[in-house]
Amino acid sequence: MNTRAVGRYGEDIAVRYLTKNKYKIVERNFTCHYGEIDIIAWDGESVIFIEVKARKDDAFGLPREAVNWRKQQTIVKCATYWLFKNKQTGVPVRFDVVEILGEQVNHIKDAFRP
């Protein structure tokens, strides 16, 4: 399985996990001129911007370690744009990471802050 297929597989697992846990998925693979956000969802009154990282194993480190400062800044810029575009400025937001290692799902809530 190539990296794109692993990523898509990981996002599918993350969406099933989030839906099962009562998140309302709004959008997948939101792209703008700043970059991309894997999943945007509502959790109650908050908009959650979710980065999904999937790996077959931890030979190259844990998936969450790939969400470095630069990636975080890209997600924050995309989120700011999405909020403005969808007239959702002022709503509570959170940035989560869902890491998938093999078949194990680890949801890291409030993984980083802008």
PDB file of N, CA and C in Angstrom:
ATOM      1  N   MET A   1       0.850  -1.172   0.000  1.00  0.00           N
ATOM      2  CA  MET A   1       0.000   0.000   0.000  1.00  0.00           C
ATOM      3  C   MET A   1       0.902   1.243   0.000  1.00  0.00           C
ATOM      4  N   ASN A   2       0.672   2.153  -0.947  1.00  0.00           N
ATOM      5  CA  ASN A   2       1.498   3.360  -0.995  1.00  0.00           C
ATOM      6  C   ASN A   2       1.057   4.355   0.079  1.00  0.00           C
ATOM      7  N   THR A   3       1.811   5.419   0.253  1.00  0.00           N
ATOM      8  CA  THR A   3       1.533   6.362   1.344  1.00  0.00           C
ATOM      9  C   THR A   3       0.190   7.054   1.181  1.00  0.00           C
ATOM     10  N   ARG A   4      -0.198   7.341  -0.051  1.00  0.00           N
ATOM     11  CA  ARG A   4      -1.504   7.976  -0.277  1.00  0.00           C
ATOM     12  C   ARG A   4      -2.635   7.037   0.141  1.00  0.00           C
ATOM     13  N   ALA A   5      -2.502   5.763  -0.205  1.00  0.00           N
ATOM     14  CA  ALA A   5      -3.524   4.775   0.166  1.00  0.00           C
ATOM     15  C   ALA A   5      -3.571   4.589   1.679  1.00  0.00           C
ATOM     16  N   VAL A   6      -2.413   4.581   2.322  1.00  0.00           N
ATOM     17  CA  VAL A   6      -2.370   4.465   3.785  1.00  0.00           C
ATOM     18  C   VAL A   6      -3.055   5.675   4.417  1.00  0.00           C
ATOM     19  N   GLY A   7      -2.810   6.861   3.871  1.00  0.00           N
ATOM     20  CA  GLY A   7      -3.436   8.075   4.381  1.00  0.00           C
ATOM     21  C   GLY A   7      -4.942   8.046   4.233  1.00  0.00           C
ATOM     22  N   ARG A   8      -5.412   7.635   3.076  1.00  0.00           N
ATOM     23  CA  ARG A   8      -6.862   7.555   2.837  1.00  0.00           C
ATOM     24  C   ARG A   8      -7.497   6.523   3.775  1.00  0.00           C
ATOM     25  N   TYR A   9      -6.832   5.385   3.928  1.00  0.00           N
ATOM     26  CA  TYR A   9      -7.296   4.327   4.826  1.00  0.00           C
ATOM     27  C   TYR A   9      -7.378   4.870   6.255  1.00  0.00           C
ATOM     28  N   GLY A  10      -6.356   5.603   6.676  1.00  0.00           N
ATOM     29  CA  GLY A  10      -6.337   6.193   8.010  1.00  0.00           C
ATOM     30  C   GLY A  10      -7.464   7.196   8.209  1.00  0.00           C
ATOM     31  N   GLU A  11      -7.724   8.023   7.205  1.00  0.00           N
ATOM     32  CA  GLU A  11      -8.818   8.994   7.305  1.00  0.00           C
ATOM     33  C   GLU A  11     -10.167   8.289   7.407  1.00  0.00           C
ATOM     34  N   ASP A  12     -10.347   7.213   6.660  1.00  0.00           N
ATOM     35  CA  ASP A  12     -11.603   6.448   6.736  1.00  0.00           C
ATOM     36  C   ASP A  12     -11.807   5.876   8.142  1.00  0.00           C
ATOM     37  N   ILE A  13     -10.741   5.339   8.726  1.00  0.00           N
ATOM     38  CA  ILE A  13     -10.810   4.809  10.091  1.00  0.00           C
ATOM     39  C   ILE A  13     -11.140   5.934  11.071  1.00  0.00           C
ATOM     40  N   ALA A  14     -10.479   7.088  10.899  1.00  0.00           N
ATOM     41  CA  ALA A  14     -10.708   8.232  11.789  1.00  0.00           C
ATOM     42  C   ALA A  14     -12.153   8.718  11.706  1.00  0.00           C
ATOM     43  N   VAL A  15     -12.712   8.785  10.504  1.00  0.00           N
ATOM     44  CA  VAL A  15     -14.102   9.233  10.345  1.00  0.00           C
ATOM     45  C   VAL A  15     -15.051   8.263  11.041  1.00  0.00           C
ATOM     46  N   ARG A  16     -14.824   6.970  10.888  1.00  0.00           N
ATOM     47  CA  ARG A  16     -15.680   5.984  11.570  1.00  0.00           C
ATOM     48  C   ARG A  16     -15.575   6.150  13.085  1.00  0.00           C
ATOM     49  N   TYR A  17     -14.360   6.311  13.584  1.00  0.00           N
ATOM     50  CA  TYR A  17     -14.129   6.502  15.017  1.00  0.00           C
ATOM     51  C   TYR A  17     -14.844   7.760  15.520  1.00  0.00           C
ATOM     52  N   LEU A  18     -14.663   8.868  14.824  1.00  0.00           N
ATOM     53  CA  LEU A  18     -15.254  10.138  15.242  1.00  0.00           C
ATOM     54  C   LEU A  18     -16.780  10.092  15.193  1.00  0.00           C
ATOM     55  N   THR A  19     -17.315   9.518  14.148  1.00  0.00           N
ATOM     56  CA  THR A  19     -18.765   9.395  14.018  1.00  0.00           C
ATOM     57  C   THR A  19     -19.334   8.544  15.149  1.00  0.00           C
ATOM     58  N   LYS A  20     -18.655   7.458  15.456  1.00  0.00           N
ATOM     59  CA  LYS A  20     -19.080   6.587  16.555  1.00  0.00           C
ATOM     60  C   LYS A  20     -19.080   7.344  17.886  1.00  0.00           C
ATOM     61  N   ASN A  21     -18.180   8.312  18.015  1.00  0.00           N
ATOM     62  CA  ASN A  21     -18.069   9.099  19.237  1.00  0.00           C
ATOM     63  C   ASN A  21     -18.826  10.427  19.158  1.00  0.00           C
ATOM     64  N   LYS A  22     -19.842  10.463  18.298  1.00  0.00           N
ATOM     65  CA  LYS A  22     -20.813  11.571  18.228  1.00  0.00           C
ATOM     66  C   LYS A  22     -20.300  12.882  17.628  1.00  0.00           C
ATOM     67  N   TYR A  23     -19.191  12.829  16.889  1.00  0.00           N
ATOM     68  CA  TYR A  23     -18.750  14.015  16.162  1.00  0.00           C
ATOM     69  C   TYR A  23     -19.556  14.112  14.877  1.00  0.00           C
ATOM     70  N   LYS A  24     -19.880  15.329  14.482  1.00  0.00           N
ATOM     71  CA  LYS A  24     -20.586  15.541  13.215  1.00  0.00           C
ATOM     72  C   LYS A  24     -19.552  15.996  12.181  1.00  0.00           C
ATOM     73  N   ILE A  25     -19.288  15.135  11.229  1.00  0.00           N
ATOM     74  CA  ILE A  25     -18.294  15.445  10.198  1.00  0.00           C
ATOM     75  C   ILE A  25     -18.884  16.481   9.245  1.00  0.00           C
ATOM     76  N   VAL A  26     -18.162  17.584   9.070  1.00  0.00           N
ATOM     77  CA  VAL A  26     -18.605  18.665   8.199  1.00  0.00           C
ATOM     78  C   VAL A  26     -17.927  18.571   6.846  1.00  0.00           C
ATOM     79  N   GLU A  27     -16.642  18.264   6.867  1.00  0.00           N
ATOM     80  CA  GLU A  27     -15.878  18.280   5.628  1.00  0.00           C
ATOM     81  C   GLU A  27     -14.634  17.410   5.768  1.00  0.00           C
ATOM     82  N   ARG A  28     -14.258  16.804   4.641  1.00  0.00           N
ATOM     83  CA  ARG A  28     -13.015  16.040   4.578  1.00  0.00           C
ATOM     84  C   ARG A  28     -12.128  16.654   3.509  1.00  0.00           C
ATOM     85  N   ASN A  29     -10.849  16.652   3.767  1.00  0.00           N
ATOM     86  CA  ASN A  29      -9.851  17.147   2.823  1.00  0.00           C
ATOM     87  C   ASN A  29     -10.155  18.563   2.325  1.00  0.00           C
ATOM     88  N   PHE A  30     -10.393  19.455   3.271  1.00  0.00           N
ATOM     89  CA  PHE A  30     -10.609  20.862   2.927  1.00  0.00           C
ATOM     90  C   PHE A  30      -9.281  21.447   2.466  1.00  0.00           C
ATOM     91  N   THR A  31      -9.288  22.008   1.274  1.00  0.00           N
ATOM     92  CA  THR A  31      -8.068  22.625   0.748  1.00  0.00           C
ATOM     93  C   THR A  31      -8.312  24.098   0.442  1.00  0.00           C
ATOM     94  N   CYS A  32      -7.275  24.861   0.656  1.00  0.00           N
ATOM     95  CA  CYS A  32      -7.280  26.269   0.290  1.00  0.00           C
ATOM     96  C   CYS A  32      -5.848  26.619  -0.112  1.00  0.00           C
ATOM     97  N   HIS A  33      -5.608  27.858  -0.405  1.00  0.00           N
ATOM     98  CA  HIS A  33      -4.264  28.241  -0.852  1.00  0.00           C
ATOM     99  C   HIS A  33      -3.207  28.097   0.243  1.00  0.00           C
ATOM    100  N   TYR A  34      -3.608  27.916   1.499  1.00  0.00           N
ATOM    101  CA  TYR A  34      -2.647  27.717   2.586  1.00  0.00           C
ATOM    102  C   TYR A  34      -2.230  26.254   2.738  1.00  0.00           C
ATOM    103  N   GLY A  35      -3.120  25.329   2.362  1.00  0.00           N
ATOM    104  CA  GLY A  35      -2.831  23.903   2.535  1.00  0.00           C
ATOM    105  C   GLY A  35      -4.105  23.091   2.667  1.00  0.00           C
ATOM    106  N   GLU A  36      -4.073  22.087   3.550  1.00  0.00           N
ATOM    107  CA  GLU A  36      -5.200  21.165   3.682  1.00  0.00           C
ATOM    108  C   GLU A  36      -5.456  20.798   5.146  1.00  0.00           C
ATOM    109  N   ILE A  37      -6.727  20.562   5.447  1.00  0.00           N
ATOM    110  CA  ILE A  37      -7.131  20.006   6.740  1.00  0.00           C
ATOM    111  C   ILE A  37      -7.837  18.696   6.429  1.00  0.00           C
ATOM    112  N   ASP A  38      -7.441  17.637   7.108  1.00  0.00           N
ATOM    113  CA  ASP A  38      -7.993  16.311   6.811  1.00  0.00           C
ATOM    114  C   ASP A  38      -9.476  16.208   7.122  1.00  0.00           C
ATOM    115  N   ILE A  39      -9.874  16.599   8.329  1.00  0.00           N
ATOM    116  CA  ILE A  39     -11.272  16.469   8.747  1.00  0.00           C
ATOM    117  C   ILE A  39     -11.667  17.706   9.549  1.00  0.00           C
ATOM    118  N   ILE A  40     -12.867  18.205   9.259  1.00  0.00           N
ATOM    119  CA  ILE A  40     -13.456  19.284  10.055  1.00  0.00           C
ATOM    120  C   ILE A  40     -14.764  18.725  10.607  1.00  0.00           C
ATOM    121  N   ALA A  41     -14.948  18.872  11.916  1.00  0.00           N
ATOM    122  CA  ALA A  41     -16.130  18.294  12.561  1.00  0.00           C
ATOM    123  C   ALA A  41     -16.629  19.207  13.673  1.00  0.00           C
ATOM    124  N   TRP A  42     -17.877  18.996  14.045  1.00  0.00           N
ATOM    125  CA  TRP A  42     -18.456  19.664  15.208  1.00  0.00           C
ATOM    126  C   TRP A  42     -18.463  18.684  16.365  1.00  0.00           C
ATOM    127  N   ASP A  43     -18.085  19.170  17.529  1.00  0.00           N
ATOM    128  CA  ASP A  43     -18.212  18.426  18.781  1.00  0.00           C
ATOM    129  C   ASP A  43     -18.983  19.347  19.716  1.00  0.00           C
ATOM    130  N   GLY A  44     -20.279  19.174  19.749  1.00  0.00           N
ATOM    131  CA  GLY A  44     -21.113  20.100  20.505  1.00  0.00           C
ATOM    132  C   GLY A  44     -21.104  21.451  19.829  1.00  0.00           C
ATOM    133  N   GLU A  45     -20.682  22.474  20.569  1.00  0.00           N
ATOM    134  CA  GLU A  45     -20.655  23.846  20.050  1.00  0.00           C
ATOM    135  C   GLU A  45     -19.304  24.227  19.450  1.00  0.00           C
ATOM    136  N   SER A  46     -18.343  23.311  19.470  1.00  0.00           N
ATOM    137  CA  SER A  46     -16.990  23.618  18.995  1.00  0.00           C
ATOM    138  C   SER A  46     -16.713  23.022  17.619  1.00  0.00           C
ATOM    139  N   VAL A  47     -15.954  23.777  16.831  1.00  0.00           N
ATOM    140  CA  VAL A  47     -15.466  23.263  15.559  1.00  0.00           C
ATOM    141  C   VAL A  47     -14.106  22.631  15.828  1.00  0.00           C
ATOM    142  N   ILE A  48     -13.944  21.400  15.355  1.00  0.00           N
ATOM    143  CA  ILE A  48     -12.699  20.670  15.576  1.00  0.00           C
ATOM    144  C   ILE A  48     -11.994  20.484  14.234  1.00  0.00           C
ATOM    145  N   PHE A  49     -10.748  20.896  14.181  1.00  0.00           N
ATOM    146  CA  PHE A  49      -9.912  20.711  12.998  1.00  0.00           C
ATOM    147  C   PHE A  49      -8.976  19.548  13.308  1.00  0.00           C
ATOM    148  N   ILE A  50      -9.058  18.504  12.491  1.00  0.00           N
ATOM    149  CA  ILE A  50      -8.398  17.245  12.825  1.00  0.00           C
ATOM    150  C   ILE A  50      -7.386  16.860  11.759  1.00  0.00           C
ATOM    151  N   GLU A  51      -6.177  16.615  12.215  1.00  0.00           N
ATOM    152  CA  GLU A  51      -5.117  16.079  11.353  1.00  0.00           C
ATOM    153  C   GLU A  51      -5.028  14.587  11.631  1.00  0.00           C
ATOM    154  N   VAL A  52      -5.027  13.792  10.577  1.00  0.00           N
ATOM    155  CA  VAL A  52      -4.944  12.339  10.700  1.00  0.00           C
ATOM    156  C   VAL A  52      -3.568  11.900  10.213  1.00  0.00           C
ATOM    157  N   LYS A  53      -2.906  11.103  11.039  1.00  0.00           N
ATOM    158  CA  LYS A  53      -1.619  10.529  10.658  1.00  0.00           C
ATOM    159  C   LYS A  53      -1.692   9.025  10.860  1.00  0.00           C
ATOM    160  N   ALA A  54      -1.408   8.288   9.826  1.00  0.00           N
ATOM    161  CA  ALA A  54      -1.480   6.825   9.879  1.00  0.00           C
ATOM    162  C   ALA A  54      -0.139   6.226   9.469  1.00  0.00           C
ATOM    163  N   ARG A  55       0.239   5.199  10.173  1.00  0.00           N
ATOM    164  CA  ARG A  55       1.465   4.451   9.870  1.00  0.00           C
ATOM    165  C   ARG A  55       1.176   2.962  10.061  1.00  0.00           C
ATOM    166  N   LYS A  56       1.857   2.158   9.286  1.00  0.00           N
ATOM    167  CA  LYS A  56       1.726   0.705   9.452  1.00  0.00           C
ATOM    168  C   LYS A  56       2.397   0.247  10.733  1.00  0.00           C
ATOM    169  N   ASP A  57       3.525   0.902  11.056  1.00  0.00           N
ATOM    170  CA  ASP A  57       4.263   0.567  12.277  1.00  0.00           C
ATOM    171  C   ASP A  57       5.020   1.809  12.730  1.00  0.00           C
ATOM    172  N   ASP A  58       5.741   1.692  13.834  1.00  0.00           N
ATOM    173  CA  ASP A  58       6.445   2.864  14.363  1.00  0.00           C
ATOM    174  C   ASP A  58       7.934   2.892  14.001  1.00  0.00           C
ATOM    175  N   ALA A  59       8.291   2.241  12.909  1.00  0.00           N
ATOM    176  CA  ALA A  59       9.693   2.196  12.483  1.00  0.00           C
ATOM    177  C   ALA A  59      10.265   3.605  12.264  1.00  0.00           C
ATOM    178  N   PHE A  60       9.436   4.538  11.848  1.00  0.00           N
ATOM    179  CA  PHE A  60       9.889   5.914  11.612  1.00  0.00           C
ATOM    180  C   PHE A  60       9.340   6.877  12.657  1.00  0.00           C
ATOM    181  N   GLY A  61       8.963   6.359  13.809  1.00  0.00           N
ATOM    182  CA  GLY A  61       8.425   7.184  14.878  1.00  0.00           C
ATOM    183  C   GLY A  61       6.913   7.098  14.934  1.00  0.00           C
ATOM    184  N   LEU A  62       6.357   7.716  15.959  1.00  0.00           N
ATOM    185  CA  LEU A  62       4.911   7.722  16.122  1.00  0.00           C
ATOM    186  C   LEU A  62       4.274   8.667  15.107  1.00  0.00           C
ATOM    187  N   PRO A  63       3.083   8.341  14.639  1.00  0.00           N
ATOM    188  CA  PRO A  63       2.424   9.202  13.647  1.00  0.00           C
ATOM    189  C   PRO A  63       2.282  10.650  14.107  1.00  0.00           C
ATOM    190  N   ARG A  64       1.940  10.861  15.381  1.00  0.00           N
ATOM    191  CA  ARG A  64       1.720  12.229  15.875  1.00  0.00           C
ATOM    192  C   ARG A  64       2.972  13.090  15.774  1.00  0.00           C
ATOM    193  N   GLU A  65       4.139  12.469  15.765  1.00  0.00           N
ATOM    194  CA  GLU A  65       5.389  13.231  15.677  1.00  0.00           C
ATOM    195  C   GLU A  65       5.544  13.946  14.339  1.00  0.00           C
ATOM    196  N   ALA A  66       4.767  13.520  13.349  1.00  0.00           N
ATOM    197  CA  ALA A  66       4.828  14.161  12.032  1.00  0.00           C
ATOM    198  C   ALA A  66       4.048  15.482  11.997  1.00  0.00           C
ATOM    199  N   VAL A  67       3.289  15.757  13.050  1.00  0.00           N
ATOM    200  CA  VAL A  67       2.536  17.020  13.113  1.00  0.00           C
ATOM    201  C   VAL A  67       3.420  18.038  13.825  1.00  0.00           C
ATOM    202  N   ASN A  68       4.432  18.490  13.103  1.00  0.00           N
ATOM    203  CA  ASN A  68       5.416  19.407  13.668  1.00  0.00           C
ATOM    204  C   ASN A  68       4.906  20.852  13.645  1.00  0.00           C
ATOM    205  N   TRP A  69       5.716  21.766  14.107  1.00  0.00           N
ATOM    206  CA  TRP A  69       5.328  23.168  14.207  1.00  0.00           C
ATOM    207  C   TRP A  69       4.875  23.724  12.862  1.00  0.00           C
ATOM    208  N   ARG A  70       5.594  23.415  11.813  1.00  0.00           N
ATOM    209  CA  ARG A  70       5.256  23.921  10.477  1.00  0.00           C
ATOM    210  C   ARG A  70       3.875  23.410  10.035  1.00  0.00           C
ATOM    211  N   LYS A  71       3.615  22.112  10.242  1.00  0.00           N
ATOM    212  CA  LYS A  71       2.324  21.525   9.882  1.00  0.00           C
ATOM    213  C   LYS A  71       1.208  22.166  10.715  1.00  0.00           C
ATOM    214  N   GLN A  72       1.478  22.398  11.982  1.00  0.00           N
ATOM    215  CA  GLN A  72       0.494  23.044  12.851  1.00  0.00           C
ATOM    216  C   GLN A  72       0.136  24.438  12.332  1.00  0.00           C
ATOM    217  N   GLN A  73       1.139  25.187  11.914  1.00  0.00           N
ATOM    218  CA  GLN A  73       0.898  26.536  11.403  1.00  0.00           C
ATOM    219  C   GLN A  73       0.053  26.501  10.132  1.00  0.00           C
ATOM    220  N   THR A  74       0.288  25.518   9.280  1.00  0.00           N
ATOM    221  CA  THR A  74      -0.512  25.352   8.067  1.00  0.00           C
ATOM    222  C   THR A  74      -1.964  25.068   8.422  1.00  0.00           C
ATOM    223  N   ILE A  75      -2.171  24.181   9.384  1.00  0.00           N
ATOM    224  CA  ILE A  75      -3.530  23.825   9.808  1.00  0.00           C
ATOM    225  C   ILE A  75      -4.238  25.045  10.397  1.00  0.00           C
ATOM    226  N   VAL A  76      -3.541  25.817  11.217  1.00  0.00           N
ATOM    227  CA  VAL A  76      -4.136  27.010  11.830  1.00  0.00           C
ATOM    228  C   VAL A  76      -4.534  28.020  10.748  1.00  0.00           C
ATOM    229  N   LYS A  77      -3.695  28.241   9.766  1.00  0.00           N
ATOM    230  CA  LYS A  77      -4.024  29.179   8.687  1.00  0.00           C
ATOM    231  C   LYS A  77      -5.241  28.695   7.902  1.00  0.00           C
ATOM    232  N   CYS A  78      -5.272  27.402   7.587  1.00  0.00           N
ATOM    233  CA  CYS A  78      -6.422  26.832   6.870  1.00  0.00           C
ATOM    234  C   CYS A  78      -7.686  26.951   7.708  1.00  0.00           C
ATOM    235  N   ALA A  79      -7.566  26.692   9.005  1.00  0.00           N
ATOM    236  CA  ALA A  79      -8.718  26.773   9.899  1.00  0.00           C
ATOM    237  C   ALA A  79      -9.255  28.200   9.962  1.00  0.00           C
ATOM    238  N   THR A  80      -8.370  29.162  10.062  1.00  0.00           N
ATOM    239  CA  THR A  80      -8.771  30.566  10.106  1.00  0.00           C
ATOM    240  C   THR A  80      -9.525  30.934   8.832  1.00  0.00           C
ATOM    241  N   TYR A  81      -9.005  30.480   7.714  1.00  0.00           N
ATOM    242  CA  TYR A  81      -9.665  30.738   6.429  1.00  0.00           C
ATOM    243  C   TYR A  81     -11.039  30.069   6.391  1.00  0.00           C
ATOM    244  N   TRP A  82     -11.120  28.798   6.824  1.00  0.00           N
ATOM    245  CA  TRP A  82     -12.402  28.069   6.820  1.00  0.00           C
ATOM    246  C   TRP A  82     -13.425  28.774   7.705  1.00  0.00           C
ATOM    247  N   LEU A  83     -13.014  29.203   8.882  1.00  0.00           N
ATOM    248  CA  LEU A  83     -13.919  29.896   9.803  1.00  0.00           C
ATOM    249  C   LEU A  83     -14.469  31.178   9.177  1.00  0.00           C
ATOM    250  N   PHE A  84     -13.590  31.945   8.549  1.00  0.00           N
ATOM    251  CA  PHE A  84     -14.005  33.185   7.894  1.00  0.00           C
ATOM    252  C   PHE A  84     -14.946  32.893   6.730  1.00  0.00           C
ATOM    253  N   LYS A  85     -14.555  31.956   5.888  1.00  0.00           N
ATOM    254  CA  LYS A  85     -15.340  31.596   4.703  1.00  0.00           C
ATOM    255  C   LYS A  85     -16.737  31.100   5.078  1.00  0.00           C
ATOM    256  N   ASN A  86     -16.853  30.387   6.173  1.00  0.00           N
ATOM    257  CA  ASN A  86     -18.125  29.798   6.599  1.00  0.00           C
ATOM    258  C   ASN A  86     -18.836  30.617   7.676  1.00  0.00           C
ATOM    259  N   LYS A  87     -18.387  31.850   7.867  1.00  0.00           N
ATOM    260  CA  LYS A  87     -19.000  32.783   8.823  1.00  0.00           C
ATOM    261  C   LYS A  87     -19.143  32.147  10.212  1.00  0.00           C
ATOM    262  N   GLN A  88     -18.056  31.532  10.659  1.00  0.00           N
ATOM    263  CA  GLN A  88     -18.037  30.868  11.967  1.00  0.00           C
ATOM    264  C   GLN A  88     -17.011  31.495  12.907  1.00  0.00           C
ATOM    265  N   THR A  89     -16.590  32.719  12.613  1.00  0.00           N
ATOM    266  CA  THR A  89     -15.634  33.371  13.500  1.00  0.00           C
ATOM    267  C   THR A  89     -16.282  33.575  14.859  1.00  0.00           C
ATOM    268  N   GLY A  90     -15.521  33.394  15.893  1.00  0.00           N
ATOM    269  CA  GLY A  90     -16.029  33.569  17.244  1.00  0.00           C
ATOM    270  C   GLY A  90     -16.502  32.287  17.903  1.00  0.00           C
ATOM    271  N   VAL A  91     -16.634  31.200  17.145  1.00  0.00           N
ATOM    272  CA  VAL A  91     -17.037  29.930  17.766  1.00  0.00           C
ATOM    273  C   VAL A  91     -15.808  29.274  18.397  1.00  0.00           C
ATOM    274  N   PRO A  92     -16.005  28.479  19.433  1.00  0.00           N
ATOM    275  CA  PRO A  92     -14.861  27.774  20.026  1.00  0.00           C
ATOM    276  C   PRO A  92     -14.274  26.777  19.028  1.00  0.00           C
ATOM    277  N   VAL A  93     -12.952  26.711  18.993  1.00  0.00           N
ATOM    278  CA  VAL A  93     -12.271  25.775  18.097  1.00  0.00           C
ATOM    279  C   VAL A  93     -11.280  24.927  18.881  1.00  0.00           C
ATOM    280  N   ARG A  94     -10.955  23.787  18.306  1.00  0.00           N
ATOM    281  CA  ARG A  94      -9.966  22.899  18.905  1.00  0.00           C
ATOM    282  C   ARG A  94      -9.204  22.233  17.771  1.00  0.00           C
ATOM    283  N   PHE A  95      -7.945  21.927  18.038  1.00  0.00           N
ATOM    284  CA  PHE A  95      -7.097  21.251  17.066  1.00  0.00           C
ATOM    285  C   PHE A  95      -6.714  19.884  17.621  1.00  0.00           C
ATOM    286  N   ASP A  96      -7.172  18.841  16.954  1.00  0.00           N
ATOM    287  CA  ASP A  96      -6.929  17.467  17.386  1.00  0.00           C
ATOM    288  C   ASP A  96      -6.054  16.738  16.381  1.00  0.00           C
ATOM    289  N   VAL A  97      -5.435  15.667  16.852  1.00  0.00           N
ATOM    290  CA  VAL A  97      -4.710  14.742  15.985  1.00  0.00           C
ATOM    291  C   VAL A  97      -5.281  13.357  16.245  1.00  0.00           C
ATOM    292  N   VAL A  98      -5.590  12.650  15.175  1.00  0.00           N
ATOM    293  CA  VAL A  98      -5.958  11.245  15.288  1.00  0.00           C
ATOM    294  C   VAL A  98      -4.817  10.472  14.660  1.00  0.00           C
ATOM    295  N   GLU A  99      -4.144   9.691  15.501  1.00  0.00           N
ATOM    296  CA  GLU A  99      -3.057   8.877  14.971  1.00  0.00           C
ATOM    297  C   GLU A  99      -3.521   7.429  14.905  1.00  0.00           C
ATOM    298  N   ILE A 100      -3.129   6.795  13.817  1.00  0.00           N
ATOM    299  CA  ILE A 100      -3.480   5.398  13.607  1.00  0.00           C
ATOM    300  C   ILE A 100      -2.183   4.648  13.382  1.00  0.00           C
ATOM    301  N   LEU A 101      -1.970   3.696  14.254  1.00  0.00           N
ATOM    302  CA  LEU A 101      -0.769   2.871  14.187  1.00  0.00           C
ATOM    303  C   LEU A 101      -1.236   1.430  14.040  1.00  0.00           C
ATOM    304  N   GLY A 102      -1.118   0.914  12.823  1.00  0.00           N
ATOM    305  CA  GLY A 102      -1.686  -0.394  12.537  1.00  0.00           C
ATOM    306  C   GLY A 102      -3.194  -0.282  12.593  1.00  0.00           C
ATOM    307  N   GLU A 103      -3.812  -0.961  13.534  1.00  0.00           N
ATOM    308  CA  GLU A 103      -5.268  -0.902  13.719  1.00  0.00           C
ATOM    309  C   GLU A 103      -5.663  -0.088  14.955  1.00  0.00           C
ATOM    310  N   GLN A 104      -4.680   0.419  15.677  1.00  0.00           N
ATOM    311  CA  GLN A 104      -4.937   1.158  16.918  1.00  0.00           C
ATOM    312  C   GLN A 104      -5.197   2.634  16.623  1.00  0.00           C
ATOM    313  N   VAL A 105      -6.270   3.175  17.206  1.00  0.00           N
ATOM    314  CA  VAL A 105      -6.638   4.582  17.041  1.00  0.00           C
ATOM    315  C   VAL A 105      -6.364   5.318  18.341  1.00  0.00           C
ATOM    316  N   ASN A 106      -5.653   6.431  18.241  1.00  0.00           N
ATOM    317  CA  ASN A 106      -5.373   7.274  19.383  1.00  0.00           C
ATOM    318  C   ASN A 106      -5.828   8.692  19.050  1.00  0.00           C
ATOM    319  N   HIS A 107      -6.867   9.166  19.722  1.00  0.00           N
ATOM    320  CA  HIS A 107      -7.408  10.492  19.482  1.00  0.00           C
ATOM    321  C   HIS A 107      -6.797  11.453  20.515  1.00  0.00           C
ATOM    322  N   ILE A 108      -6.015  12.378  20.028  1.00  0.00           N
ATOM    323  CA  ILE A 108      -5.359  13.351  20.900  1.00  0.00           C
ATOM    324  C   ILE A 108      -6.131  14.666  20.805  1.00  0.00           C
ATOM    325  N   LYS A 109      -6.954  14.917  21.804  1.00  0.00           N
ATOM    326  CA  LYS A 109      -7.753  16.143  21.827  1.00  0.00           C
ATOM    327  C   LYS A 109      -6.875  17.314  22.253  1.00  0.00           C
ATOM    328  N   ASP A 110      -7.140  18.476  21.643  1.00  0.00           N
ATOM    329  CA  ASP A 110      -6.394  19.683  21.975  1.00  0.00           C
ATOM    330  C   ASP A 110      -4.892  19.426  21.840  1.00  0.00           C
ATOM    331  N   ALA A 111      -4.509  18.812  20.736  1.00  0.00           N
ATOM    332  CA  ALA A 111      -3.120  18.404  20.497  1.00  0.00           C
ATOM    333  C   ALA A 111      -2.162  19.596  20.415  1.00  0.00           C
ATOM    334  N   PHE A 112      -2.678  20.716  19.934  1.00  0.00           N
ATOM    335  CA  PHE A 112      -1.854  21.938  19.882  1.00  0.00           C
ATOM    336  C   PHE A 112      -2.785  23.147  19.876  1.00  0.00           C
ATOM    337  N   ARG A 113      -2.204  24.281  20.146  1.00  0.00           N
ATOM    338  CA  ARG A 113      -2.959  25.549  20.141  1.00  0.00           C
ATOM    339  C   ARG A 113      -2.260  26.539  19.235  1.00  0.00           C
ATOM    340  N   PRO A 114      -3.070  27.419  18.638  1.00  0.00           N
ATOM    341  CA  PRO A 114      -2.457  28.410  17.730  1.00  0.00           C
ATOM    342  C   PRO A 114      -1.570  29.392  18.465  1.00  0.00           C
TER     343      PRO A 114
END
